[in-house]
Amino acid sequence: MTPAIDERIREVAAAENLLVALDFDGTLSPLVADPMAARATPDAKRALERLASCRGVTVALVSGRSLVDLRIIAEHDDDSPFWLAGSHGAEWWRPAGAPPVDEVVGDAGDTGVAVAARAAADGFEGAWIEDKQFGFALHTRTSPDGVEPRAQRAVDEVVERLAPDWRRRGGKHVLEFSWRHEGKDGAVAELRAQTGADAVIFAGDDVTDEDALRSLEPGDLGIRVGPGDTAAALTVADTPELAAVLTRVAELRAS
């Protein structure tokens, strides 16, 4: 860690009320073929627990996962101090005593989009559809070379025909469609307001995380995990490097 980076970390860690908001997949957990097998690495988990124990620090997970799945992979129970924003901020879990967050409810209607998308994906090796709270995602991580673009094109055609108003999000070997339009930028803004944060650390590894990274304010710190174009001020190579940064923040807060 260079002196300049350490100084930037010191500056944000000195905020009176600090929000540490983090993506999960590819950020706290390595990317895995089976989405439900994802778990935070031991170092990342320890860093989050240390941060949550520090006075004036709020820890939140901000994920595209549905809330029920996020709680499973994050090993999150009812006594956890972590805030959760699932489905890109359309679903919330708050620690006991935290202020409420208004959740918009609605009904996508019986469009049959996911059923038609699953039928389209079935024709491509390694491609499969994951049902989500407000839509679905096409996964192609295990598809042979050249299959992914064709599978995505087939599912795109289904959604364009049946649900052209749904939000489309691309990612690393995943293509997600949702009839809800919330984004991680809005989730971070809501968390900032609800927790009274003076500064925010946000880290993520994928395209949807860039919404949140671009929304950060002066005095915040954005961290990109892995390669790719980014609005983040700091890039780390992988989850272990991110865990080291989070551990450094916890050390500074504790002192």
C-alpha atoms as a PDB file:
ATOM      1  CA  MET A   1       0.000   0.000   0.000  1.00  0.00           C
ATOM      2  CA  THR A   2       1.592   3.284  -1.106  1.00  0.00           C
ATOM      3  CA  PRO A   3       1.822   6.277   1.281  1.00  0.00           C
ATOM      4  CA  ALA A   4      -0.648   8.230  -0.891  1.00  0.00           C
ATOM      5  CA  ILE A   5      -3.242   5.456  -0.763  1.00  0.00           C
ATOM      6  CA  ASP A   6      -2.772   4.999   2.963  1.00  0.00           C
ATOM      7  CA  GLU A   7      -3.270   8.738   3.486  1.00  0.00           C
ATOM      8  CA  ARG A   8      -6.520   8.624   1.476  1.00  0.00           C
ATOM      9  CA  ILE A   9      -7.711   5.718   3.601  1.00  0.00           C
ATOM     10  CA  ARG A  10      -6.779   7.628   6.764  1.00  0.00           C
ATOM     11  CA  GLU A  11      -8.820  10.614   5.628  1.00  0.00           C
ATOM     12  CA  VAL A  12     -12.033   8.691   5.009  1.00  0.00           C
ATOM     13  CA  ALA A  13     -11.565   6.509   8.103  1.00  0.00           C
ATOM     14  CA  ALA A  14     -11.468   9.661  10.244  1.00  0.00           C
ATOM     15  CA  ALA A  15     -15.114  10.547   9.474  1.00  0.00           C
ATOM     16  CA  GLU A  16     -17.269  10.816  12.570  1.00  0.00           C
ATOM     17  CA  ASN A  17     -19.921   8.553  11.076  1.00  0.00           C
ATOM     18  CA  LEU A  18     -18.617   6.167   8.417  1.00  0.00           C
ATOM     19  CA  LEU A  19     -20.686   3.966   6.114  1.00  0.00           C
ATOM     20  CA  VAL A  20     -18.886   0.943   4.645  1.00  0.00           C
ATOM     21  CA  ALA A  21     -21.147  -0.354   1.858  1.00  0.00           C
ATOM     22  CA  LEU A  22     -19.997  -3.354  -0.142  1.00  0.00           C
ATOM     23  CA  ASP A  23     -21.055  -5.545  -3.011  1.00  0.00           C
ATOM     24  CA  PHE A  24     -20.808  -9.258  -2.197  1.00  0.00           C
ATOM     25  CA  ASP A  25     -20.136 -11.492  -5.233  1.00  0.00           C
ATOM     26  CA  GLY A  26     -16.660 -10.926  -6.636  1.00  0.00           C
ATOM     27  CA  THR A  27     -15.975  -8.412  -3.880  1.00  0.00           C
ATOM     28  CA  LEU A  28     -16.185 -10.166  -0.523  1.00  0.00           C
ATOM     29  CA  SER A  29     -16.486 -13.587  -2.124  1.00  0.00           C
ATOM     30  CA  PRO A  30     -14.676 -14.963  -5.184  1.00  0.00           C
ATOM     31  CA  LEU A  31     -16.963 -15.584  -8.143  1.00  0.00           C
ATOM     32  CA  VAL A  32     -18.156 -19.198  -8.238  1.00  0.00           C
ATOM     33  CA  ALA A  33     -20.117 -21.277 -10.746  1.00  0.00           C
ATOM     34  CA  ASP A  34     -22.907 -22.047  -8.249  1.00  0.00           C
ATOM     35  CA  PRO A  35     -24.240 -18.671  -6.998  1.00  0.00           C
ATOM     36  CA  MET A  36     -25.536 -20.137  -3.742  1.00  0.00           C
ATOM     37  CA  ALA A  37     -22.085 -21.537  -2.896  1.00  0.00           C
ATOM     38  CA  ALA A  38     -20.602 -18.030  -2.580  1.00  0.00           C
ATOM     39  CA  ARG A  39     -19.241 -17.123   0.866  1.00  0.00           C
ATOM     40  CA  ALA A  40     -17.123 -14.253   2.134  1.00  0.00           C
ATOM     41  CA  THR A  41     -13.468 -15.168   2.587  1.00  0.00           C
ATOM     42  CA  PRO A  42     -12.359 -15.551   6.216  1.00  0.00           C
ATOM     43  CA  ASP A  43     -10.224 -12.379   6.047  1.00  0.00           C
ATOM     44  CA  ALA A  44     -13.060 -10.345   4.549  1.00  0.00           C
ATOM     45  CA  LYS A  45     -15.510 -11.667   7.124  1.00  0.00           C
ATOM     46  CA  ARG A  46     -13.171 -10.802   9.995  1.00  0.00           C
ATOM     47  CA  ALA A  47     -12.622  -7.306   8.607  1.00  0.00           C
ATOM     48  CA  LEU A  48     -16.373  -6.648   8.406  1.00  0.00           C
ATOM     49  CA  GLU A  49     -16.942  -7.901  11.940  1.00  0.00           C
ATOM     50  CA  ARG A  50     -14.159  -5.637  13.241  1.00  0.00           C
ATOM     51  CA  LEU A  51     -15.592  -2.651  11.385  1.00  0.00           C
ATOM     52  CA  ALA A  52     -19.110  -3.287  12.678  1.00  0.00           C
ATOM     53  CA  SER A  53     -17.769  -3.307  16.242  1.00  0.00           C
ATOM     54  CA  CYS A  54     -16.188   0.140  15.846  1.00  0.00           C
ATOM     55  CA  ARG A  55     -18.006   3.169  17.193  1.00  0.00           C
ATOM     56  CA  GLY A  56     -19.524   5.314  14.464  1.00  0.00           C
ATOM     57  CA  VAL A  57     -19.236   2.677  11.693  1.00  0.00           C
ATOM     58  CA  THR A  58     -22.166   1.156   9.794  1.00  0.00           C
ATOM     59  CA  VAL A  59     -21.553  -1.882   7.581  1.00  0.00           C
ATOM     60  CA  ALA A  60     -23.943  -2.643   4.717  1.00  0.00           C
ATOM     61  CA  LEU A  61     -24.073  -5.200   1.915  1.00  0.00           C
ATOM     62  CA  VAL A  62     -25.482  -3.848  -1.348  1.00  0.00           C
ATOM     63  CA  SER A  63     -26.227  -6.624  -3.813  1.00  0.00           C
ATOM     64  CA  GLY A  64     -28.219  -7.541  -6.872  1.00  0.00           C
ATOM     65  CA  ARG A  65     -29.165 -10.756  -5.097  1.00  0.00           C
ATOM     66  CA  SER A  66     -32.677 -11.155  -3.764  1.00  0.00           C
ATOM     67  CA  LEU A  67     -32.755 -10.486  -0.032  1.00  0.00           C
ATOM     68  CA  VAL A  68     -33.475 -14.086   0.922  1.00  0.00           C
ATOM     69  CA  ASP A  69     -30.483 -15.366  -1.086  1.00  0.00           C
ATOM     70  CA  LEU A  70     -28.205 -12.563   0.152  1.00  0.00           C
ATOM     71  CA  ARG A  71     -28.922 -13.507   3.755  1.00  0.00           C
ATOM     72  CA  ILE A  72     -27.964 -17.114   3.014  1.00  0.00           C
ATOM     73  CA  ILE A  73     -24.669 -16.446   1.265  1.00  0.00           C
ATOM     74  CA  ALA A  74     -23.708 -13.700   3.738  1.00  0.00           C
ATOM     75  CA  GLU A  75     -24.515 -16.062   6.643  1.00  0.00           C
ATOM     76  CA  HIS A  76     -26.632 -13.245   8.009  1.00  0.00           C
ATOM     77  CA  ASP A  77     -28.906 -13.841  11.020  1.00  0.00           C
ATOM     78  CA  ASP A  78     -31.437 -11.702  12.864  1.00  0.00           C
ATOM     79  CA  ASP A  79     -28.837 -10.506  15.383  1.00  0.00           C
ATOM     80  CA  SER A  80     -26.480  -9.186  12.716  1.00  0.00           C
ATOM     81  CA  PRO A  81     -25.528  -5.484  12.856  1.00  0.00           C
ATOM     82  CA  PHE A  82     -25.152  -5.375   9.053  1.00  0.00           C
ATOM     83  CA  TRP A  83     -27.665  -3.519   6.912  1.00  0.00           C
ATOM     84  CA  LEU A  84     -28.687  -5.313   3.713  1.00  0.00           C
ATOM     85  CA  ALA A  85     -29.891  -3.820   0.443  1.00  0.00           C
ATOM     86  CA  GLY A  86     -30.991  -6.649  -1.842  1.00  0.00           C
ATOM     87  CA  SER A  87     -32.245  -6.571  -5.437  1.00  0.00           C
ATOM     88  CA  HIS A  88     -30.152  -3.441  -6.119  1.00  0.00           C
ATOM     89  CA  GLY A  89     -31.924  -1.599  -3.311  1.00  0.00           C
ATOM     90  CA  ALA A  90     -35.503  -2.759  -3.882  1.00  0.00           C
ATOM     91  CA  GLU A  91     -35.420  -4.933  -0.732  1.00  0.00           C
ATOM     92  CA  TRP A  92     -34.089  -4.029   2.708  1.00  0.00           C
ATOM     93  CA  TRP A  93     -33.081  -5.593   6.004  1.00  0.00           C
ATOM     94  CA  ARG A  94     -32.345  -3.293   8.923  1.00  0.00           C
ATOM     95  CA  PRO A  95     -30.769  -4.151  12.270  1.00  0.00           C
ATOM     96  CA  ALA A  96     -33.091  -3.965  15.248  1.00  0.00           C
ATOM     97  CA  GLY A  97     -33.749  -0.363  16.179  1.00  0.00           C
ATOM     98  CA  ALA A  98     -32.667   1.073  12.825  1.00  0.00           C
ATOM     99  CA  PRO A  99     -35.009   3.560  11.150  1.00  0.00           C
ATOM    100  CA  PRO A 100     -37.386   2.140   8.542  1.00  0.00           C
ATOM    101  CA  VAL A 101     -36.760   2.313   4.821  1.00  0.00           C
ATOM    102  CA  ASP A 102     -39.832   2.687   2.632  1.00  0.00           C
ATOM    103  CA  GLU A 103     -40.138  -0.174   0.186  1.00  0.00           C
ATOM    104  CA  VAL A 104     -42.206   0.230  -2.960  1.00  0.00           C
ATOM    105  CA  VAL A 105     -44.340  -2.791  -3.686  1.00  0.00           C
ATOM    106  CA  GLY A 106     -45.846  -3.727  -6.972  1.00  0.00           C
ATOM    107  CA  ASP A 107     -46.750  -6.478  -9.348  1.00  0.00           C
ATOM    108  CA  ALA A 108     -45.064  -7.208 -12.661  1.00  0.00           C
ATOM    109  CA  GLY A 109     -48.179  -8.916 -13.919  1.00  0.00           C
ATOM    110  CA  ASP A 110     -48.401 -12.348 -15.523  1.00  0.00           C
ATOM    111  CA  THR A 111     -46.130 -11.687 -18.485  1.00  0.00           C
ATOM    112  CA  GLY A 112     -44.552 -15.131 -18.648  1.00  0.00           C
ATOM    113  CA  VAL A 113     -41.207 -13.494 -19.410  1.00  0.00           C
ATOM    114  CA  ALA A 114     -39.096 -15.768 -17.221  1.00  0.00           C
ATOM    115  CA  VAL A 115     -40.781 -18.878 -18.609  1.00  0.00           C
ATOM    116  CA  ALA A 116     -40.074 -17.792 -22.186  1.00  0.00           C
ATOM    117  CA  ALA A 117     -36.502 -16.804 -21.292  1.00  0.00           C
ATOM    118  CA  ARG A 118     -35.879 -20.196 -19.721  1.00  0.00           C
ATOM    119  CA  ALA A 119     -37.115 -21.921 -22.876  1.00  0.00           C
ATOM    120  CA  ALA A 120     -34.759 -19.756 -24.951  1.00  0.00           C
ATOM    121  CA  ALA A 121     -31.773 -20.428 -22.673  1.00  0.00           C
ATOM    122  CA  ASP A 122     -32.342 -24.190 -22.662  1.00  0.00           C
ATOM    123  CA  GLY A 123     -30.952 -24.385 -26.181  1.00  0.00           C
ATOM    124  CA  PHE A 124     -27.470 -23.217 -25.131  1.00  0.00           C
ATOM    125  CA  GLU A 125     -24.931 -25.356 -23.309  1.00  0.00           C
ATOM    126  CA  GLY A 126     -24.071 -24.114 -19.815  1.00  0.00           C
ATOM    127  CA  ALA A 127     -26.694 -21.346 -19.884  1.00  0.00           C
ATOM    128  CA  TRP A 128     -29.364 -21.291 -17.194  1.00  0.00           C
ATOM    129  CA  ILE A 129     -31.969 -18.950 -15.726  1.00  0.00           C
ATOM    130  CA  GLU A 130     -32.002 -17.910 -12.070  1.00  0.00           C
ATOM    131  CA  ASP A 131     -35.356 -16.713 -10.742  1.00  0.00           C
ATOM    132  CA  LYS A 132     -35.050 -13.448  -8.811  1.00  0.00           C
ATOM    133  CA  GLN A 133     -37.457 -11.500  -6.647  1.00  0.00           C
ATOM    134  CA  PHE A 134     -38.299  -8.979  -9.376  1.00  0.00           C
ATOM    135  CA  GLY A 135     -37.235 -10.769 -12.530  1.00  0.00           C
ATOM    136  CA  PHE A 136     -34.555 -13.237 -13.553  1.00  0.00           C
ATOM    137  CA  ALA A 137     -30.904 -13.567 -14.535  1.00  0.00           C
ATOM    138  CA  LEU A 138     -29.238 -15.499 -17.345  1.00  0.00           C
ATOM    139  CA  HIS A 139     -25.997 -17.178 -16.215  1.00  0.00           C
ATOM    140  CA  THR A 140     -23.369 -18.294 -18.742  1.00  0.00           C
ATOM    141  CA  ARG A 141     -20.245 -18.743 -16.584  1.00  0.00           C
ATOM    142  CA  THR A 142     -19.990 -22.440 -17.499  1.00  0.00           C
ATOM    143  CA  SER A 143     -20.868 -22.039 -21.189  1.00  0.00           C
ATOM    144  CA  PRO A 144     -18.256 -22.983 -23.828  1.00  0.00           C
ATOM    145  CA  ASP A 145     -16.530 -20.199 -25.748  1.00  0.00           C
ATOM    146  CA  GLY A 146     -18.826 -18.458 -28.189  1.00  0.00           C
ATOM    147  CA  VAL A 147     -22.069 -19.572 -26.549  1.00  0.00           C
ATOM    148  CA  GLU A 148     -22.562 -16.602 -24.225  1.00  0.00           C
ATOM    149  CA  PRO A 149     -23.289 -13.910 -26.846  1.00  0.00           C
ATOM    150  CA  ARG A 150     -25.744 -16.154 -28.665  1.00  0.00           C
ATOM    151  CA  ALA A 151     -27.569 -17.081 -25.467  1.00  0.00           C
ATOM    152  CA  GLN A 152     -27.759 -13.447 -24.400  1.00  0.00           C
ATOM    153  CA  ARG A 153     -29.037 -12.420 -27.803  1.00  0.00           C
ATOM    154  CA  ALA A 154     -31.812 -15.042 -27.629  1.00  0.00           C
ATOM    155  CA  VAL A 155     -32.941 -13.916 -24.176  1.00  0.00           C
ATOM    156  CA  ASP A 156     -32.681 -10.246 -25.171  1.00  0.00           C
ATOM    157  CA  GLU A 157     -35.110 -10.949 -27.990  1.00  0.00           C
ATOM    158  CA  VAL A 158     -37.576 -12.523 -25.559  1.00  0.00           C
ATOM    159  CA  VAL A 159     -37.510  -9.534 -23.220  1.00  0.00           C
ATOM    160  CA  GLU A 160     -37.686  -7.007 -26.046  1.00  0.00           C
ATOM    161  CA  ARG A 161     -40.815  -8.754 -27.292  1.00  0.00           C
ATOM    162  CA  LEU A 162     -42.600  -9.406 -23.992  1.00  0.00           C
ATOM    163  CA  ALA A 163     -41.318  -6.791 -21.534  1.00  0.00           C
ATOM    164  CA  PRO A 164     -39.481  -3.927 -23.281  1.00  0.00           C
ATOM    165  CA  ASP A 165     -39.777  -1.698 -20.191  1.00  0.00           C
ATOM    166  CA  TRP A 166     -37.825  -4.039 -17.908  1.00  0.00           C
ATOM    167  CA  ARG A 167     -34.373  -2.888 -16.765  1.00  0.00           C
ATOM    168  CA  ARG A 168     -31.439  -4.738 -18.317  1.00  0.00           C
ATOM    169  CA  ARG A 169     -28.152  -5.117 -16.409  1.00  0.00           C
ATOM    170  CA  GLY A 170     -25.030  -6.781 -17.760  1.00  0.00           C
ATOM    171  CA  GLY A 171     -22.271  -8.280 -15.629  1.00  0.00           C
ATOM    172  CA  LYS A 172     -19.539 -10.902 -15.567  1.00  0.00           C
ATOM    173  CA  HIS A 173     -21.143 -13.836 -17.396  1.00  0.00           C
ATOM    174  CA  VAL A 174     -24.584 -12.767 -16.181  1.00  0.00           C
ATOM    175  CA  LEU A 175     -27.410 -10.799 -17.753  1.00  0.00           C
ATOM    176  CA  GLU A 176     -30.204  -9.646 -15.444  1.00  0.00           C
ATOM    177  CA  PHE A 177     -33.679  -8.337 -16.222  1.00  0.00           C
ATOM    178  CA  SER A 178     -35.998  -6.731 -13.682  1.00  0.00           C
ATOM    179  CA  TRP A 179     -39.332  -4.961 -13.699  1.00  0.00           C
ATOM    180  CA  ARG A 180     -37.990  -2.865 -10.802  1.00  0.00           C
ATOM    181  CA  HIS A 181     -35.589  -0.084 -11.749  1.00  0.00           C
ATOM    182  CA  GLU A 182     -33.696   0.605  -8.522  1.00  0.00           C
ATOM    183  CA  GLY A 183     -29.894   0.851  -8.730  1.00  0.00           C
ATOM    184  CA  LYS A 184     -27.015   0.647  -6.296  1.00  0.00           C
ATOM    185  CA  ASP A 185     -26.511   4.406  -6.510  1.00  0.00           C
ATOM    186  CA  GLY A 186     -29.952   4.907  -4.989  1.00  0.00           C
ATOM    187  CA  ALA A 187     -29.272   2.227  -2.365  1.00  0.00           C
ATOM    188  CA  VAL A 188     -26.077   3.971  -1.228  1.00  0.00           C
ATOM    189  CA  ALA A 189     -27.852   7.334  -1.116  1.00  0.00           C
ATOM    190  CA  GLU A 190     -30.613   5.825   1.033  1.00  0.00           C
ATOM    191  CA  LEU A 191     -28.068   4.215   3.355  1.00  0.00           C
ATOM    192  CA  ARG A 192     -26.188   7.507   3.681  1.00  0.00           C
ATOM    193  CA  ALA A 193     -29.391   9.303   4.655  1.00  0.00           C
ATOM    194  CA  GLN A 194     -30.653   6.603   7.014  1.00  0.00           C
ATOM    195  CA  THR A 195     -27.342   6.226   8.878  1.00  0.00           C
ATOM    196  CA  GLY A 196     -26.312   9.876   8.909  1.00  0.00           C
ATOM    197  CA  ALA A 197     -22.960   9.011   7.327  1.00  0.00           C
ATOM    198  CA  ASP A 198     -20.393  11.780   6.914  1.00  0.00           C
ATOM    199  CA  ALA A 199     -18.353   9.629   4.516  1.00  0.00           C
ATOM    200  CA  VAL A 200     -18.860   6.440   2.524  1.00  0.00           C
ATOM    201  CA  ILE A 201     -16.560   3.635   1.452  1.00  0.00           C
ATOM    202  CA  PHE A 202     -18.082   1.610  -1.367  1.00  0.00           C
ATOM    203  CA  ALA A 203     -16.436  -1.370  -3.075  1.00  0.00           C
ATOM    204  CA  GLY A 204     -17.578  -3.488  -6.003  1.00  0.00           C
ATOM    205  CA  ASP A 205     -16.278  -5.495  -8.925  1.00  0.00           C
ATOM    206  CA  ASP A 206     -18.817  -5.272 -11.722  1.00  0.00           C
ATOM    207  CA  VAL A 207     -20.769  -3.022 -14.064  1.00  0.00           C
ATOM    208  CA  THR A 208     -23.725  -2.512 -11.723  1.00  0.00           C
ATOM    209  CA  ASP A 209     -21.354  -1.329  -8.994  1.00  0.00           C
ATOM    210  CA  GLU A 210     -20.224   1.540 -11.187  1.00  0.00           C
ATOM    211  CA  ASP A 211     -23.620   3.200 -10.631  1.00  0.00           C
ATOM    212  CA  ALA A 212     -22.749   3.498  -6.948  1.00  0.00           C
ATOM    213  CA  LEU A 213     -19.100   4.403  -7.572  1.00  0.00           C
ATOM    214  CA  ARG A 214     -20.082   7.271  -9.861  1.00  0.00           C
ATOM    215  CA  SER A 215     -22.520   8.582  -7.257  1.00  0.00           C
ATOM    216  CA  LEU A 216     -19.940   8.994  -4.486  1.00  0.00           C
ATOM    217  CA  GLU A 217     -19.251  12.448  -3.116  1.00  0.00           C
ATOM    218  CA  PRO A 218     -16.015  14.307  -2.302  1.00  0.00           C
ATOM    219  CA  GLY A 219     -14.667  12.811   0.910  1.00  0.00           C
ATOM    220  CA  ASP A 220     -15.939   9.315   0.042  1.00  0.00           C
ATOM    221  CA  LEU A 221     -13.750   6.458  -1.185  1.00  0.00           C
ATOM    222  CA  GLY A 222     -14.685   4.204  -4.094  1.00  0.00           C
ATOM    223  CA  ILE A 223     -12.841   0.914  -4.543  1.00  0.00           C
ATOM    224  CA  ARG A 224     -12.893  -1.258  -7.671  1.00  0.00           C
ATOM    225  CA  VAL A 225     -12.090  -4.926  -7.128  1.00  0.00           C
ATOM    226  CA  GLY A 226     -10.371  -6.399 -10.182  1.00  0.00           C
ATOM    227  CA  PRO A 227      -9.774  -4.991 -13.679  1.00  0.00           C
ATOM    228  CA  GLY A 228     -12.091  -2.835 -15.757  1.00  0.00           C
ATOM    229  CA  ASP A 229     -12.930   0.780 -16.464  1.00  0.00           C
ATOM    230  CA  THR A 230     -14.027   2.418 -13.242  1.00  0.00           C
ATOM    231  CA  ALA A 231     -14.992   5.634 -11.518  1.00  0.00           C
ATOM    232  CA  ALA A 232     -13.306   4.398  -8.332  1.00  0.00           C
ATOM    233  CA  ALA A 233     -10.372   6.295  -6.824  1.00  0.00           C
ATOM    234  CA  LEU A 234      -8.703   3.043  -5.760  1.00  0.00           C
ATOM    235  CA  THR A 235      -8.372  -0.297  -7.557  1.00  0.00           C
ATOM    236  CA  VAL A 236      -7.385  -3.513  -5.788  1.00  0.00           C
ATOM    237  CA  ALA A 237      -6.557  -6.764  -7.527  1.00  0.00           C
ATOM    238  CA  ASP A 238      -8.878  -9.129  -5.705  1.00  0.00           C
ATOM    239  CA  THR A 239     -10.807  -9.985  -2.554  1.00  0.00           C
ATOM    240  CA  PRO A 240      -7.678 -10.507  -0.388  1.00  0.00           C
ATOM    241  CA  GLU A 241      -6.439  -7.010  -1.256  1.00  0.00           C
ATOM    242  CA  LEU A 242      -9.839  -5.533  -0.458  1.00  0.00           C
ATOM    243  CA  ALA A 243      -9.869  -7.393   2.866  1.00  0.00           C
ATOM    244  CA  ALA A 244      -6.478  -5.823   3.640  1.00  0.00           C
ATOM    245  CA  VAL A 245      -7.869  -2.323   2.966  1.00  0.00           C
ATOM    246  CA  LEU A 246     -10.935  -2.988   5.149  1.00  0.00           C
ATOM    247  CA  THR A 247      -8.705  -4.345   7.904  1.00  0.00           C
ATOM    248  CA  ARG A 248      -6.609  -1.154   7.703  1.00  0.00           C
ATOM    249  CA  VAL A 249      -9.759   0.959   8.073  1.00  0.00           C
ATOM    250  CA  ALA A 250     -10.805  -1.106  11.115  1.00  0.00           C
ATOM    251  CA  GLU A 251      -7.353  -0.634  12.670  1.00  0.00           C
ATOM    252  CA  LEU A 252      -7.535   3.125  12.167  1.00  0.00           C
ATOM    253  CA  ARG A 253     -11.029   3.305  13.684  1.00  0.00           C
ATOM    254  CA  ALA A 254     -10.013   1.198  16.654  1.00  0.00           C
ATOM    255  CA  SER A 255      -7.061   3.472  17.403  1.00  0.00           C
END
